[in-house]
Structure formats: C-alpha cells, structure tokens
C-alpha cells in the first residue's frame, strides 16, 4: 500500500516537493476573497526516511530541513483531498485544483 503526504506552500515559505523520493500526484490552491493564500501539493512517498526542505520566500530565514514524519500523511489520496476541500466553504473560501 502506498502512503501520501500533504505539503503546503504559502507566500511566506515554500515547501520543496521536487525530490527523487516524492512523486507529485495533485496540486490545489486555496483562495480567500480572491487572493491565493496557499498551495497544497499531494505527493506519493517512495522513501519515508527522507527530509523535506522549507525555504523562506517573503521572510528571510535559513532553509529548514524537516523529517517527513512530521507532515500529515494518509493511505489514500482521497482522504487528503477530502481534508483540503473542508476549506471550500463558499465563494470567498475556494479550493481550485491546479493539476
């Protein structure tokens, strides 16, 4: 059985998902009152012992390298998508699938 992880990128920081042990499955954007607030990327995990890099975008801070185990994971993509769509409340709180 495969395991999947949810990664989040905002205007403050970027979670690096380009990794040889991660395979991007889908990407969604969260829009709040017409402004993109975050991007959610669902990735299939090939190696659970990897570390994920988080880079500052608007704020200057050193790259942070975090073990994958601290990120939210699921056995199915559908469970993660369901969680993402909990933010899709109305026209002011919208989830848009990007890929």
PDB file of N, CA and C in Angstrom:
ATOM      1  N   UNK A   1       0.840  -1.183   0.000  1.00  0.00           N
ATOM      2  CA  UNK A   1       0.000   0.000   0.000  1.00  0.00           C
ATOM      3  C   UNK A   1       0.887   1.249   0.000  1.00  0.00           C
ATOM      4  N   UNK A   2       0.499   2.234  -0.773  1.00  0.00           N
ATOM      5  CA  UNK A   2       1.249   3.487  -0.856  1.00  0.00           C
ATOM      6  C   UNK A   2       0.825   4.428   0.252  1.00  0.00           C
ATOM      7  N   UNK A   3       1.717   5.340   0.562  1.00  0.00           N
ATOM      8  CA  UNK A   3       1.396   6.376   1.528  1.00  0.00           C
ATOM      9  C   UNK A   3       1.589   7.721   0.846  1.00  0.00           C
ATOM     10  N   UNK A   4       0.741   8.689   1.208  1.00  0.00           N
ATOM     11  CA  UNK A   4       0.752  10.002   0.593  1.00  0.00           C
ATOM     12  C   UNK A   4       0.924  11.066   1.663  1.00  0.00           C
ATOM     13  N   UNK A   5       1.503  12.202   1.265  1.00  0.00           N
ATOM     14  CA  UNK A   5       1.768  13.294   2.192  1.00  0.00           C
ATOM     15  C   UNK A   5       1.207  14.588   1.612  1.00  0.00           C
ATOM     16  N   UNK A   6       0.782  15.482   2.495  1.00  0.00           N
ATOM     17  CA  UNK A   6       0.267  16.787   2.103  1.00  0.00           C
ATOM     18  C   UNK A   6       1.317  17.845   2.434  1.00  0.00           C
ATOM     19  N   UNK A   7       1.732  18.596   1.417  1.00  0.00           N
ATOM     20  CA  UNK A   7       2.713  19.674   1.581  1.00  0.00           C
ATOM     21  C   UNK A   7       2.009  21.008   1.311  1.00  0.00           C
ATOM     22  N   UNK A   8       2.392  22.031   2.045  1.00  0.00           N
ATOM     23  CA  UNK A   8       1.773  23.346   1.890  1.00  0.00           C
ATOM     24  C   UNK A   8       2.834  24.390   1.587  1.00  0.00           C
ATOM     25  N   UNK A   9       2.510  25.281   0.647  1.00  0.00           N
ATOM     26  CA  UNK A   9       3.357  26.422   0.314  1.00  0.00           C
ATOM     27  C   UNK A   9       2.500  27.677   0.439  1.00  0.00           C
ATOM     28  N   UNK A  10       3.064  28.726   1.049  1.00  0.00           N
ATOM     29  CA  UNK A  10       2.362  30.000   1.190  1.00  0.00           C
ATOM     30  C   UNK A  10       3.231  31.099   0.593  1.00  0.00           C
ATOM     31  N   UNK A  11       2.777  32.339   0.715  1.00  0.00           N
ATOM     32  CA  UNK A  11       3.606  33.438   0.223  1.00  0.00           C
ATOM     33  C   UNK A  11       4.799  33.686   1.147  1.00  0.00           C
ATOM     34  N   UNK A  12       4.778  33.164   2.354  1.00  0.00           N
ATOM     35  CA  UNK A  12       5.890  33.314   3.306  1.00  0.00           C
ATOM     36  C   UNK A  12       6.973  32.262   3.110  1.00  0.00           C
ATOM     37  N   UNK A  13       6.564  31.022   2.789  1.00  0.00           N
ATOM     38  CA  UNK A  13       7.541  29.937   2.656  1.00  0.00           C
ATOM     39  C   UNK A  13       7.134  28.969   1.555  1.00  0.00           C
ATOM     40  N   UNK A  14       8.125  28.236   1.056  1.00  0.00           N
ATOM     41  CA  UNK A  14       7.893  27.246   0.001  1.00  0.00           C
ATOM     42  C   UNK A  14       8.408  25.901   0.490  1.00  0.00           C
ATOM     43  N   UNK A  15       7.537  24.901   0.441  1.00  0.00           N
ATOM     44  CA  UNK A  15       7.937  23.539   0.769  1.00  0.00           C
ATOM     45  C   UNK A  15       8.426  22.891  -0.522  1.00  0.00           C
ATOM     46  N   UNK A  16       9.662  22.441  -0.533  1.00  0.00           N
ATOM     47  CA  UNK A  16      10.275  21.880  -1.738  1.00  0.00           C
ATOM     48  C   UNK A  16       9.750  20.459  -1.947  1.00  0.00           C
ATOM     49  N   UNK A  17       9.028  20.273  -3.044  1.00  0.00           N
ATOM     50  CA  UNK A  17       8.461  18.950  -3.354  1.00  0.00           C
ATOM     51  C   UNK A  17       9.210  18.261  -4.490  1.00  0.00           C
ATOM     52  N   UNK A  18      10.166  18.960  -5.091  1.00  0.00           N
ATOM     53  CA  UNK A  18      10.996  18.336  -6.128  1.00  0.00           C
ATOM     54  C   UNK A  18      12.063  17.499  -5.436  1.00  0.00           C
ATOM     55  N   UNK A  19      11.765  16.240  -5.289  1.00  0.00           N
ATOM     56  CA  UNK A  19      12.631  15.321  -4.551  1.00  0.00           C
ATOM     57  C   UNK A  19      12.553  13.957  -5.232  1.00  0.00           C
ATOM     58  N   UNK A  20      13.658  13.260  -5.354  1.00  0.00           N
ATOM     59  CA  UNK A  20      13.631  11.961  -6.046  1.00  0.00           C
ATOM     60  C   UNK A  20      12.775  10.905  -5.354  1.00  0.00           C
ATOM     61  N   UNK A  21      12.445  11.095  -4.072  1.00  0.00           N
ATOM     62  CA  UNK A  21      11.643  10.108  -3.348  1.00  0.00           C
ATOM     63  C   UNK A  21      10.209  10.564  -3.116  1.00  0.00           C
ATOM     64  N   UNK A  22       9.798  11.630  -3.841  1.00  0.00           N
ATOM     65  CA  UNK A  22       8.418  12.101  -3.809  1.00  0.00           C
ATOM     66  C   UNK A  22       7.898  12.200  -5.239  1.00  0.00           C
ATOM     67  N   UNK A  23       6.665  11.786  -5.428  1.00  0.00           N
ATOM     68  CA  UNK A  23       6.024  11.902  -6.739  1.00  0.00           C
ATOM     69  C   UNK A  23       4.770  12.759  -6.584  1.00  0.00           C
ATOM     70  N   UNK A  24       4.735  13.911  -7.254  1.00  0.00           N
ATOM     71  CA  UNK A  24       3.563  14.789  -7.173  1.00  0.00           C
ATOM     72  C   UNK A  24       2.361  14.090  -7.787  1.00  0.00           C
ATOM     73  N   UNK A  25       1.248  14.109  -7.056  1.00  0.00           N
ATOM     74  CA  UNK A  25       0.020  13.463  -7.506  1.00  0.00           C
ATOM     75  C   UNK A  25      -1.013  14.505  -7.924  1.00  0.00           C
ATOM     76  N   UNK A  26      -1.163  15.560  -7.118  1.00  0.00           N
ATOM     77  CA  UNK A  26      -2.150  16.599  -7.409  1.00  0.00           C
ATOM     78  C   UNK A  26      -1.756  17.881  -6.686  1.00  0.00           C
ATOM     79  N   UNK A  27      -2.278  18.993  -7.203  1.00  0.00           N
ATOM     80  CA  UNK A  27      -1.985  20.289  -6.600  1.00  0.00           C
ATOM     81  C   UNK A  27      -3.267  21.112  -6.562  1.00  0.00           C
ATOM     82  N   UNK A  28      -3.495  21.777  -5.438  1.00  0.00           N
ATOM     83  CA  UNK A  28      -4.685  22.598  -5.232  1.00  0.00           C
ATOM     84  C   UNK A  28      -4.262  23.950  -4.677  1.00  0.00           C
ATOM     85  N   UNK A  29      -5.039  24.977  -5.001  1.00  0.00           N
ATOM     86  CA  UNK A  29      -4.803  26.309  -4.445  1.00  0.00           C
ATOM     87  C   UNK A  29      -5.982  26.683  -3.562  1.00  0.00           C
ATOM     88  N   UNK A  30      -5.682  27.366  -2.468  1.00  0.00           N
ATOM     89  CA  UNK A  30      -6.719  27.898  -1.588  1.00  0.00           C
ATOM     90  C   UNK A  30      -6.789  29.403  -1.811  1.00  0.00           C
ATOM     91  N   UNK A  31      -7.965  29.889  -2.189  1.00  0.00           N
ATOM     92  CA  UNK A  31      -8.195  31.316  -2.430  1.00  0.00           C
ATOM     93  C   UNK A  31      -9.136  31.860  -1.359  1.00  0.00           C
ATOM     94  N   UNK A  32      -8.762  33.000  -0.780  1.00  0.00           N
ATOM     95  CA  UNK A  32      -9.555  33.659   0.246  1.00  0.00           C
ATOM     96  C   UNK A  32      -9.854  35.065  -0.238  1.00  0.00           C
ATOM     97  N   UNK A  33     -11.123  35.349  -0.483  1.00  0.00           N
ATOM     98  CA  UNK A  33     -11.559  36.631  -1.029  1.00  0.00           C
ATOM     99  C   UNK A  33     -10.770  36.999  -2.287  1.00  0.00           C
ATOM    100  N   UNK A  34     -10.597  36.030  -3.174  1.00  0.00           N
ATOM    101  CA  UNK A  34      -9.956  36.252  -4.459  1.00  0.00           C
ATOM    102  C   UNK A  34      -8.442  36.229  -4.456  1.00  0.00           C
ATOM    103  N   UNK A  35      -7.826  36.115  -3.294  1.00  0.00           N
ATOM    104  CA  UNK A  35      -6.360  36.105  -3.217  1.00  0.00           C
ATOM    105  C   UNK A  35      -5.883  34.680  -2.909  1.00  0.00           C
ATOM    106  N   UNK A  36      -4.885  34.228  -3.675  1.00  0.00           N
ATOM    107  CA  UNK A  36      -4.316  32.910  -3.406  1.00  0.00           C
ATOM    108  C   UNK A  36      -3.537  32.967  -2.102  1.00  0.00           C
ATOM    109  N   UNK A  37      -3.941  32.117  -1.147  1.00  0.00           N
ATOM    110  CA  UNK A  37      -3.305  32.107   0.169  1.00  0.00           C
ATOM    111  C   UNK A  37      -2.283  30.985   0.310  1.00  0.00           C
ATOM    112  N   UNK A  38      -2.557  29.842  -0.331  1.00  0.00           N
ATOM    113  CA  UNK A  38      -1.636  28.716  -0.210  1.00  0.00           C
ATOM    114  C   UNK A  38      -1.841  27.733  -1.349  1.00  0.00           C
ATOM    115  N   UNK A  39      -0.821  26.903  -1.533  1.00  0.00           N
ATOM    116  CA  UNK A  39      -0.882  25.811  -2.500  1.00  0.00           C
ATOM    117  C   UNK A  39      -0.658  24.517  -1.735  1.00  0.00           C
ATOM    118  N   UNK A  40      -1.539  23.563  -1.962  1.00  0.00           N
ATOM    119  CA  UNK A  40      -1.432  22.244  -1.345  1.00  0.00           C
ATOM    120  C   UNK A  40      -0.977  21.256  -2.406  1.00  0.00           C
ATOM    121  N   UNK A  41       0.080  20.518  -2.111  1.00  0.00           N
ATOM    122  CA  UNK A  41       0.593  19.517  -3.038  1.00  0.00           C
ATOM    123  C   UNK A  41       0.514  18.158  -2.360  1.00  0.00           C
ATOM    124  N   UNK A  42      -0.120  17.217  -3.042  1.00  0.00           N
ATOM    125  CA  UNK A  42      -0.188  15.842  -2.557  1.00  0.00           C
ATOM    126  C   UNK A  42       0.900  15.060  -3.270  1.00  0.00           C
ATOM    127  N   UNK A  43       1.734  14.358  -2.498  1.00  0.00           N
ATOM    128  CA  UNK A  43       2.839  13.585  -3.064  1.00  0.00           C
ATOM    129  C   UNK A  43       2.773  12.143  -2.579  1.00  0.00           C
ATOM    130  N   UNK A  44       3.135  11.248  -3.467  1.00  0.00           N
ATOM    131  CA  UNK A  44       3.293   9.837  -3.110  1.00  0.00           C
ATOM    132  C   UNK A  44       4.693   9.664  -2.548  1.00  0.00           C
ATOM    133  N   UNK A  45       4.807   8.959  -1.428  1.00  0.00           N
ATOM    134  CA  UNK A  45       6.087   8.778  -0.738  1.00  0.00           C
ATOM    135  C   UNK A  45       6.762   7.504  -1.225  1.00  0.00           C
ATOM    136  N   UNK A  46       8.001   7.635  -1.703  1.00  0.00           N
ATOM    137  CA  UNK A  46       8.780   6.469  -2.120  1.00  0.00           C
ATOM    138  C   UNK A  46       9.731   6.022  -1.007  1.00  0.00           C
ATOM    139  N   UNK A  47      10.144   6.964  -0.146  1.00  0.00           N
ATOM    140  CA  UNK A  47      11.047   6.637   0.956  1.00  0.00           C
ATOM    141  C   UNK A  47      10.621   7.443   2.183  1.00  0.00           C
ATOM    142  N   UNK A  48      10.094   6.797   3.211  1.00  0.00           N
ATOM    143  CA  UNK A  48       9.587   7.528   4.382  1.00  0.00           C
ATOM    144  C   UNK A  48      10.678   8.150   5.253  1.00  0.00           C
ATOM    145  N   UNK A  49      11.938   7.859   4.979  1.00  0.00           N
ATOM    146  CA  UNK A  49      13.029   8.391   5.801  1.00  0.00           C
ATOM    147  C   UNK A  49      13.646   9.674   5.246  1.00  0.00           C
ATOM    148  N   UNK A  50      13.027  10.273   4.232  1.00  0.00           N
ATOM    149  CA  UNK A  50      13.588  11.497   3.647  1.00  0.00           C
ATOM    150  C   UNK A  50      13.329  12.704   4.536  1.00  0.00           C
ATOM    151  N   UNK A  51      14.011  13.778   4.210  1.00  0.00           N
ATOM    152  CA  UNK A  51      13.823  15.052   4.892  1.00  0.00           C
ATOM    153  C   UNK A  51      13.351  16.064   3.849  1.00  0.00           C
ATOM    154  N   UNK A  52      12.472  16.959   4.260  1.00  0.00           N
ATOM    155  CA  UNK A  52      11.862  17.950   3.376  1.00  0.00           C
ATOM    156  C   UNK A  52      12.441  19.330   3.699  1.00  0.00           C
ATOM    157  N   UNK A  53      12.761  20.085   2.653  1.00  0.00           N
ATOM    158  CA  UNK A  53      13.319  21.427   2.819  1.00  0.00           C
ATOM    159  C   UNK A  53      12.212  22.468   2.705  1.00  0.00           C
ATOM    160  N   UNK A  54      12.229  23.412   3.629  1.00  0.00           N
ATOM    161  CA  UNK A  54      11.314  24.556   3.595  1.00  0.00           C
ATOM    162  C   UNK A  54      12.169  25.801   3.441  1.00  0.00           C
ATOM    163  N   UNK A  55      11.859  26.602   2.412  1.00  0.00           N
ATOM    164  CA  UNK A  55      12.639  27.805   2.093  1.00  0.00           C
ATOM    165  C   UNK A  55      11.793  29.050   2.342  1.00  0.00           C
ATOM    166  N   UNK A  56      12.420  30.073   2.881  1.00  0.00           N
ATOM    167  CA  UNK A  56      11.740  31.347   3.061  1.00  0.00           C
ATOM    168  C   UNK A  56      11.520  32.031   1.727  1.00  0.00           C
ATOM    169  N   UNK A  57      10.370  32.655   1.559  1.00  0.00           N
ATOM    170  CA  UNK A  57      10.067  33.379   0.328  1.00  0.00           C
ATOM    171  C   UNK A  57       9.980  34.864   0.650  1.00  0.00           C
ATOM    172  N   UNK A  58       8.984  35.263   1.433  1.00  0.00           N
ATOM    173  CA  UNK A  58       8.843  36.669   1.808  1.00  0.00           C
ATOM    174  C   UNK A  58       9.669  37.011   3.037  1.00  0.00           C
ATOM    175  N   UNK A  59       9.912  36.028   3.860  1.00  0.00           N
ATOM    176  CA  UNK A  59      10.727  36.234   5.047  1.00  0.00           C
ATOM    177  C   UNK A  59      12.078  35.579   4.814  1.00  0.00           C
ATOM    178  N   UNK A  60      13.100  36.205   5.319  1.00  0.00           N
ATOM    179  CA  UNK A  60      14.433  35.634   5.172  1.00  0.00           C
ATOM    180  C   UNK A  60      14.722  34.797   6.410  1.00  0.00           C
ATOM    181  N   UNK A  61      14.829  33.511   6.202  1.00  0.00           N
ATOM    182  CA  UNK A  61      15.260  32.620   7.262  1.00  0.00           C
ATOM    183  C   UNK A  61      16.025  31.476   6.619  1.00  0.00           C
ATOM    184  N   UNK A  62      16.902  30.839   7.387  1.00  0.00           N
ATOM    185  CA  UNK A  62      17.680  29.747   6.806  1.00  0.00           C
ATOM    186  C   UNK A  62      16.761  28.605   6.383  1.00  0.00           C
ATOM    187  N   UNK A  63      17.174  27.887   5.341  1.00  0.00           N
ATOM    188  CA  UNK A  63      16.401  26.722   4.924  1.00  0.00           C
ATOM    189  C   UNK A  63      16.238  25.792   6.109  1.00  0.00           C
ATOM    190  N   UNK A  64      15.041  25.266   6.246  1.00  0.00           N
ATOM    191  CA  UNK A  64      14.733  24.361   7.338  1.00  0.00           C
ATOM    192  C   UNK A  64      14.533  22.971   6.746  1.00  0.00           C
ATOM    193  N   UNK A  65      15.246  21.990   7.234  1.00  0.00           N
ATOM    194  CA  UNK A  65      15.145  20.623   6.729  1.00  0.00           C
ATOM    195  C   UNK A  65      14.480  19.777   7.811  1.00  0.00           C
ATOM    196  N   UNK A  66      13.293  19.252   7.474  1.00  0.00           N
ATOM    197  CA  UNK A  66      12.434  18.593   8.451  1.00  0.00           C
ATOM    198  C   UNK A  66      12.203  17.143   8.052  1.00  0.00           C
ATOM    199  N   UNK A  67      12.177  16.212   9.014  1.00  0.00           N
ATOM    200  CA  UNK A  67      11.862  14.827   8.679  1.00  0.00           C
ATOM    201  C   UNK A  67      10.434  14.707   8.143  1.00  0.00           C
ATOM    202  N   UNK A  68      10.253  13.859   7.184  1.00  0.00           N
ATOM    203  CA  UNK A  68       8.943  13.652   6.565  1.00  0.00           C
ATOM    204  C   UNK A  68       7.892  13.229   7.590  1.00  0.00           C
ATOM    205  N   UNK A  69       8.301  12.571   8.657  1.00  0.00           N
ATOM    206  CA  UNK A  69       7.350  12.032   9.629  1.00  0.00           C
ATOM    207  C   UNK A  69       6.486  13.099  10.301  1.00  0.00           C
ATOM    208  N   UNK A  70       6.880  14.373  10.263  1.00  0.00           N
ATOM    209  CA  UNK A  70       6.083  15.420  10.914  1.00  0.00           C
ATOM    210  C   UNK A  70       4.973  15.974  10.016  1.00  0.00           C
ATOM    211  N   UNK A  71       4.957  15.596   8.754  1.00  0.00           N
ATOM    212  CA  UNK A  71       3.940  16.074   7.823  1.00  0.00           C
ATOM    213  C   UNK A  71       2.711  15.177   7.876  1.00  0.00           C
ATOM    214  N   UNK A  72       1.514  15.743   7.610  1.00  0.00           N
ATOM    215  CA  UNK A  72       0.300  14.923   7.609  1.00  0.00           C
ATOM    216  C   UNK A  72       0.314  13.927   6.455  1.00  0.00           C
ATOM    217  N   UNK A  73       0.049  12.668   6.776  1.00  0.00           N
ATOM    218  CA  UNK A  73       0.077  11.604   5.781  1.00  0.00           C
ATOM    219  C   UNK A  73      -1.234  10.839   5.776  1.00  0.00           C
ATOM    220  N   UNK A  74      -1.451  10.084   4.703  1.00  0.00           N
ATOM    221  CA  UNK A  74      -2.652   9.261   4.585  1.00  0.00           C
ATOM    222  C   UNK A  74      -2.352   8.075   3.686  1.00  0.00           C
ATOM    223  N   UNK A  75      -3.154   7.039   3.825  1.00  0.00           N
ATOM    224  CA  UNK A  75      -3.018   5.866   2.961  1.00  0.00           C
ATOM    225  C   UNK A  75      -3.655   6.090   1.595  1.00  0.00           C
ATOM    226  N   UNK A  76      -4.537   7.088   1.492  1.00  0.00           N
ATOM    227  CA  UNK A  76      -5.217   7.337   0.217  1.00  0.00           C
ATOM    228  C   UNK A  76      -5.180   8.822  -0.148  1.00  0.00           C
ATOM    229  N   UNK A  77      -5.152   9.084  -1.427  1.00  0.00           N
ATOM    230  CA  UNK A  77      -5.223  10.455  -1.939  1.00  0.00           C
ATOM    231  C   UNK A  77      -6.589  11.051  -1.622  1.00  0.00           C
ATOM    232  N   UNK A  78      -7.619  10.234  -1.715  1.00  0.00           N
ATOM    233  CA  UNK A  78      -8.987  10.709  -1.488  1.00  0.00           C
ATOM    234  C   UNK A  78      -9.174  11.302  -0.090  1.00  0.00           C
ATOM    235  N   UNK A  79      -8.540  10.694   0.922  1.00  0.00           N
ATOM    236  CA  UNK A  79      -8.647  11.231   2.279  1.00  0.00           C
ATOM    237  C   UNK A  79      -8.016  12.615   2.384  1.00  0.00           C
ATOM    238  N   UNK A  80      -6.896  12.818   1.709  1.00  0.00           N
ATOM    239  CA  UNK A  80      -6.236  14.131   1.735  1.00  0.00           C
ATOM    240  C   UNK A  80      -7.071  15.156   0.977  1.00  0.00           C
ATOM    241  N   UNK A  81      -7.606  14.763  -0.172  1.00  0.00           N
ATOM    242  CA  UNK A  81      -8.446  15.684  -0.946  1.00  0.00           C
ATOM    243  C   UNK A  81      -9.669  16.099  -0.138  1.00  0.00           C
ATOM    244  N   UNK A  82     -10.279  15.152   0.554  1.00  0.00           N
ATOM    245  CA  UNK A  82     -11.441  15.463   1.402  1.00  0.00           C
ATOM    246  C   UNK A  82     -11.060  16.504   2.462  1.00  0.00           C
ATOM    247  N   UNK A  83      -9.894  16.350   3.052  1.00  0.00           N
ATOM    248  CA  UNK A  83      -9.421  17.303   4.062  1.00  0.00           C
ATOM    249  C   UNK A  83      -9.201  18.692   3.445  1.00  0.00           C
ATOM    250  N   UNK A  84      -8.604  18.732   2.269  1.00  0.00           N
ATOM    251  CA  UNK A  84      -8.373  20.010   1.583  1.00  0.00           C
ATOM    252  C   UNK A  84      -9.702  20.715   1.317  1.00  0.00           C
ATOM    253  N   UNK A  85     -10.689  19.971   0.834  1.00  0.00           N
ATOM    254  CA  UNK A  85     -11.974  20.575   0.473  1.00  0.00           C
ATOM    255  C   UNK A  85     -12.799  21.017   1.677  1.00  0.00           C
ATOM    256  N   UNK A  86     -12.349  20.732   2.887  1.00  0.00           N
ATOM    257  CA  UNK A  86     -13.022  21.281   4.064  1.00  0.00           C
ATOM    258  C   UNK A  86     -12.890  22.802   4.106  1.00  0.00           C
ATOM    259  N   UNK A  87     -11.910  23.360   3.373  1.00  0.00           N
ATOM    260  CA  UNK A  87     -11.732  24.815   3.289  1.00  0.00           C
ATOM    261  C   UNK A  87     -12.626  25.445   2.231  1.00  0.00           C
ATOM    262  N   UNK A  88     -13.228  24.637   1.376  1.00  0.00           N
ATOM    263  CA  UNK A  88     -14.059  25.124   0.272  1.00  0.00           C
ATOM    264  C   UNK A  88     -15.474  25.386   0.795  1.00  0.00           C
ATOM    265  N   UNK A  89     -15.662  26.558   1.395  1.00  0.00           N
ATOM    266  CA  UNK A  89     -16.915  26.852   2.082  1.00  0.00           C
ATOM    267  C   UNK A  89     -17.914  27.623   1.237  1.00  0.00           C
ATOM    268  N   UNK A  90     -17.428  28.604   0.493  1.00  0.00           N
ATOM    269  CA  UNK A  90     -18.301  29.475  -0.285  1.00  0.00           C
ATOM    270  C   UNK A  90     -17.452  30.201  -1.325  1.00  0.00           C
ATOM    271  N   UNK A  91     -17.992  31.245  -1.927  1.00  0.00           N
ATOM    272  CA  UNK A  91     -17.254  31.969  -2.967  1.00  0.00           C
ATOM    273  C   UNK A  91     -16.033  32.707  -2.411  1.00  0.00           C
ATOM    274  N   UNK A  92     -16.029  33.018  -1.123  1.00  0.00           N
ATOM    275  CA  UNK A  92     -14.893  33.713  -0.516  1.00  0.00           C
ATOM    276  C   UNK A  92     -13.794  32.750  -0.068  1.00  0.00           C
ATOM    277  N   UNK A  93     -14.117  31.509   0.140  1.00  0.00           N
ATOM    278  CA  UNK A  93     -13.175  30.469   0.558  1.00  0.00           C
ATOM    279  C   UNK A  93     -13.231  29.354  -0.469  1.00  0.00           C
ATOM    280  N   UNK A  94     -12.342  29.379  -1.446  1.00  0.00           N
ATOM    281  CA  UNK A  94     -12.415  28.465  -2.585  1.00  0.00           C
ATOM    282  C   UNK A  94     -11.160  27.612  -2.710  1.00  0.00           C
ATOM    283  N   UNK A  95     -11.374  26.357  -3.062  1.00  0.00           N
ATOM    284  CA  UNK A  95     -10.286  25.450  -3.428  1.00  0.00           C
ATOM    285  C   UNK A  95     -10.349  25.261  -4.934  1.00  0.00           C
ATOM    286  N   UNK A  96      -9.212  25.402  -5.605  1.00  0.00           N
ATOM    287  CA  UNK A  96      -9.130  25.253  -7.055  1.00  0.00           C
ATOM    288  C   UNK A  96      -8.068  24.200  -7.359  1.00  0.00           C
ATOM    289  N   UNK A  97      -8.456  23.154  -8.101  1.00  0.00           N
ATOM    290  CA  UNK A  97      -7.472  22.152  -8.499  1.00  0.00           C
ATOM    291  C   UNK A  97      -6.632  22.718  -9.637  1.00  0.00           C
ATOM    292  N   UNK A  98      -5.303  22.631  -9.484  1.00  0.00           N
ATOM    293  CA  UNK A  98      -4.375  23.163 -10.463  1.00  0.00           C
ATOM    294  C   UNK A  98      -3.846  22.045 -11.371  1.00  0.00           C
ATOM    295  N   UNK A  99      -3.542  20.901 -10.777  1.00  0.00           N
ATOM    296  CA  UNK A  99      -3.078  19.763 -11.570  1.00  0.00           C
ATOM    297  C   UNK A  99      -3.476  18.466 -10.917  1.00  0.00           C
TER     298      UNK A  99
END
